[in-house]
Structures are given as C-alpha cells and as structure tokens.
C-alpha atoms as a PDB file:
ATOM      1  CA  MET A   1     -47.128   7.719  43.878  1.00  0.00           C
ATOM      2  CA  LYS A   2     -45.521   7.133  41.102  1.00  0.00           C
ATOM      3  CA  ARG A   3     -42.585   4.303  40.585  1.00  0.00           C
ATOM      4  CA  GLN A   4     -39.170   5.645  41.863  1.00  0.00           C
ATOM      5  CA  VAL A   5     -36.070   5.372  40.126  1.00  0.00           C
ATOM      6  CA  THR A   6     -32.523   5.469  40.360  1.00  0.00           C
ATOM      7  CA  VAL A   7     -30.060   7.160  37.683  1.00  0.00           C
ATOM      8  CA  THR A   8     -26.076   6.630  37.888  1.00  0.00           C
ATOM      9  CA  GLY A   9     -23.973   8.915  35.490  1.00  0.00           C
ATOM     10  CA  THR A  10     -22.072  11.608  34.679  1.00  0.00           C
ATOM     11  CA  VAL A  11     -22.957  15.081  34.060  1.00  0.00           C
ATOM     12  CA  THR A  12     -22.807  16.251  30.476  1.00  0.00           C
ATOM     13  CA  SER A  13     -24.316  19.860  30.340  1.00  0.00           C
ATOM     14  CA  ILE A  14     -26.383  22.484  32.848  1.00  0.00           C
ATOM     15  CA  SER A  15     -28.885  24.864  31.453  1.00  0.00           C
ATOM     16  CA  TYR A  16     -29.268  28.103  33.918  1.00  0.00           C
ATOM     17  CA  PRO A  17     -33.054  29.686  32.935  1.00  0.00           C
ATOM     18  CA  GLY A  18     -31.613  33.111  32.585  1.00  0.00           C
ATOM     19  CA  THR A  19     -34.241  36.037  33.228  1.00  0.00           C
ATOM     20  CA  THR A  20     -37.822  33.607  33.363  1.00  0.00           C
ATOM     21  CA  ARG A  21     -40.670  34.330  35.630  1.00  0.00           C
ATOM     22  CA  GLN A  22     -40.514  30.677  36.133  1.00  0.00           C
ATOM     23  CA  PRO A  23     -36.756  29.426  36.632  1.00  0.00           C
ATOM     24  CA  HIS A  24     -35.447  25.662  36.428  1.00  0.00           C
ATOM     25  CA  VAL A  25     -32.182  24.375  36.133  1.00  0.00           C
ATOM     26  CA  ALA A  26     -32.116  21.287  33.921  1.00  0.00           C
ATOM     27  CA  VAL A  27     -29.131  18.906  34.219  1.00  0.00           C
ATOM     28  CA  ARG A  28     -28.079  16.705  31.283  1.00  0.00           C
ATOM     29  CA  VAL A  29     -26.702  13.168  32.803  1.00  0.00           C
ATOM     30  CA  HIS A  30     -25.358  10.403  30.371  1.00  0.00           C
ATOM     31  CA  ALA A  31     -25.837   6.864  32.351  1.00  0.00           C
ATOM     32  CA  PRO A  32     -25.703   3.436  30.842  1.00  0.00           C
ATOM     33  CA  ASN A  33     -29.369   3.222  30.054  1.00  0.00           C
ATOM     34  CA  GLY A  34     -28.945   6.405  28.191  1.00  0.00           C
ATOM     35  CA  ASP A  35     -29.222  10.117  28.663  1.00  0.00           C
ATOM     36  CA  TRP A  36     -32.043  11.868  31.124  1.00  0.00           C
ATOM     37  CA  THR A  37     -32.504  15.146  32.255  1.00  0.00           C
ATOM     38  CA  ALA A  38     -33.319  16.779  36.089  1.00  0.00           C
ATOM     39  CA  MET A  39     -35.410  19.724  36.148  1.00  0.00           C
ATOM     40  CA  PHE A  40     -34.847  21.619  39.588  1.00  0.00           C
ATOM     41  CA  LEU A  41     -37.838  23.783  39.117  1.00  0.00           C
ATOM     42  CA  GLY A  42     -37.843  26.748  41.454  1.00  0.00           C
ATOM     43  CA  ARG A  43     -33.652  27.357  41.184  1.00  0.00           C
ATOM     44  CA  ARG A  44     -31.743  29.712  39.059  1.00  0.00           C
ATOM     45  CA  SER A  45     -28.498  27.244  40.380  1.00  0.00           C
ATOM     46  CA  ILE A  46     -27.188  24.397  41.759  1.00  0.00           C
ATOM     47  CA  ARG A  47     -23.758  25.251  43.360  1.00  0.00           C
ATOM     48  CA  CYS A  48     -22.539  22.022  43.839  1.00  0.00           C
ATOM     49  CA  LEU A  49     -22.880  20.266  40.081  1.00  0.00           C
ATOM     50  CA  ALA A  50     -20.572  20.876  37.812  1.00  0.00           C
ATOM     51  CA  VAL A  51     -20.168  19.500  33.702  1.00  0.00           C
ATOM     52  CA  GLY A  52     -18.157  16.011  34.239  1.00  0.00           C
ATOM     53  CA  ASP A  53     -19.137  14.920  37.958  1.00  0.00           C
ATOM     54  CA  HIS A  54     -20.537  11.713  38.661  1.00  0.00           C
ATOM     55  CA  VAL A  55     -23.724  11.712  40.114  1.00  0.00           C
ATOM     56  CA  VAL A  56     -26.267   9.477  41.540  1.00  0.00           C
ATOM     57  CA  MET A  57     -30.061  10.903  41.398  1.00  0.00           C
ATOM     58  CA  ARG A  58     -33.937   9.423  42.634  1.00  0.00           C
ATOM     59  CA  GLY A  59     -36.399  10.578  41.873  1.00  0.00           C
ATOM     60  CA  ALA A  60     -39.960  10.258  39.735  1.00  0.00           C
ATOM     61  CA  PRO A  61     -39.525   9.628  36.177  1.00  0.00           C
ATOM     62  CA  VAL A  62     -41.543  11.223  33.423  1.00  0.00           C
ATOM     63  CA  CYS A  63     -41.470  11.692  29.817  1.00  0.00           C
ATOM     64  CA  TRP A  64     -41.468  15.282  28.271  1.00  0.00           C
ATOM     65  CA  ARG A  65     -41.266  16.249  24.995  1.00  0.00           C
ATOM     66  CA  GLY A  66     -40.040  12.743  23.774  1.00  0.00           C
ATOM     67  CA  GLU A  67     -36.959  12.984  26.761  1.00  0.00           C
ATOM     68  CA  ARG A  68     -36.607  10.683  30.326  1.00  0.00           C
ATOM     69  CA  VAL A  69     -37.016  13.528  33.008  1.00  0.00           C
ATOM     70  CA  ILE A  70     -36.843  13.499  36.489  1.00  0.00           C
ATOM     71  CA  VAL A  71     -38.510  16.827  38.359  1.00  0.00           C
ATOM     72  CA  CYS A  72     -37.053  17.724  41.572  1.00  0.00           C
ATOM     73  CA  PRO A  73     -34.691  15.061  42.295  1.00  0.00           C
ATOM     74  CA  SER A  74     -32.634  13.976  45.526  1.00  0.00           C
ATOM     75  CA  TYR A  75     -29.022  13.899  44.122  1.00  0.00           C
ATOM     76  CA  ARG A  76     -25.121  13.233  45.453  1.00  0.00           C
ATOM     77  CA  VAL A  77     -22.174  13.897  43.695  1.00  0.00           C
ATOM     78  CA  GLN A  78     -19.586  10.900  43.817  1.00  0.00           C
ATOM     79  CA  PRO A  79     -16.101  11.385  44.265  1.00  0.00           C
ATOM     80  CA  LEU A  80     -14.199  10.294  41.392  1.00  0.00           C
ATOM     81  CA  VAL A  81     -12.260   7.014  42.051  1.00  0.00           C
ATOM     82  CA  GLU A  82      -8.431   6.822  40.611  1.00  0.00           C
ATOM     83  CA  VAL A  83      -7.080   3.898  39.138  1.00  0.00           C
ATOM     84  CA  SER A  84      -3.548   3.172  39.488  1.00  0.00           C
END
C-alpha cells in the first residue's frame, strides 16, 4: 500500500466533468506545503464542498501531469473560526 498523506488547506477551485463517459470532479486545494488536486472519480458533483471551504484530505499521493494529486481521498470540511 502506498503511503498516506494528510493535506489541510483552502478550496480554490472545483471543476465538474460535463458530459464525459468517465465522470470526475477535480477540487484544487491551496495548502501551506503547496497546491494539491483531489480527484473524485465516478462523481458528477460534490454538494458539501465549495470554493473557500477549509478542508482536511487524506489519501495516497500520486504525481499526474506534474501535479500533486490525491485520488478519491477521505475528507472533512472544517468550520471557519472567527478571531475576535
């Protein structure tokens, strides 16, 4: 089994598949250690994620077309904490 990484960052973009035979949703995340893309294969939408959300993703990292990608990661959306 490949090693697992945990990435914490902010969702900067979400790309939806359109009308392809192999749907996937690509979620771009800006993290302190650089940008990552989460690829959700077989999905046409992910309703609980939005641009600007703070997320924690966990999965096996791969390099695809020179980008750091986590395929079908587990994830959770973290609530924003307001500083007063």
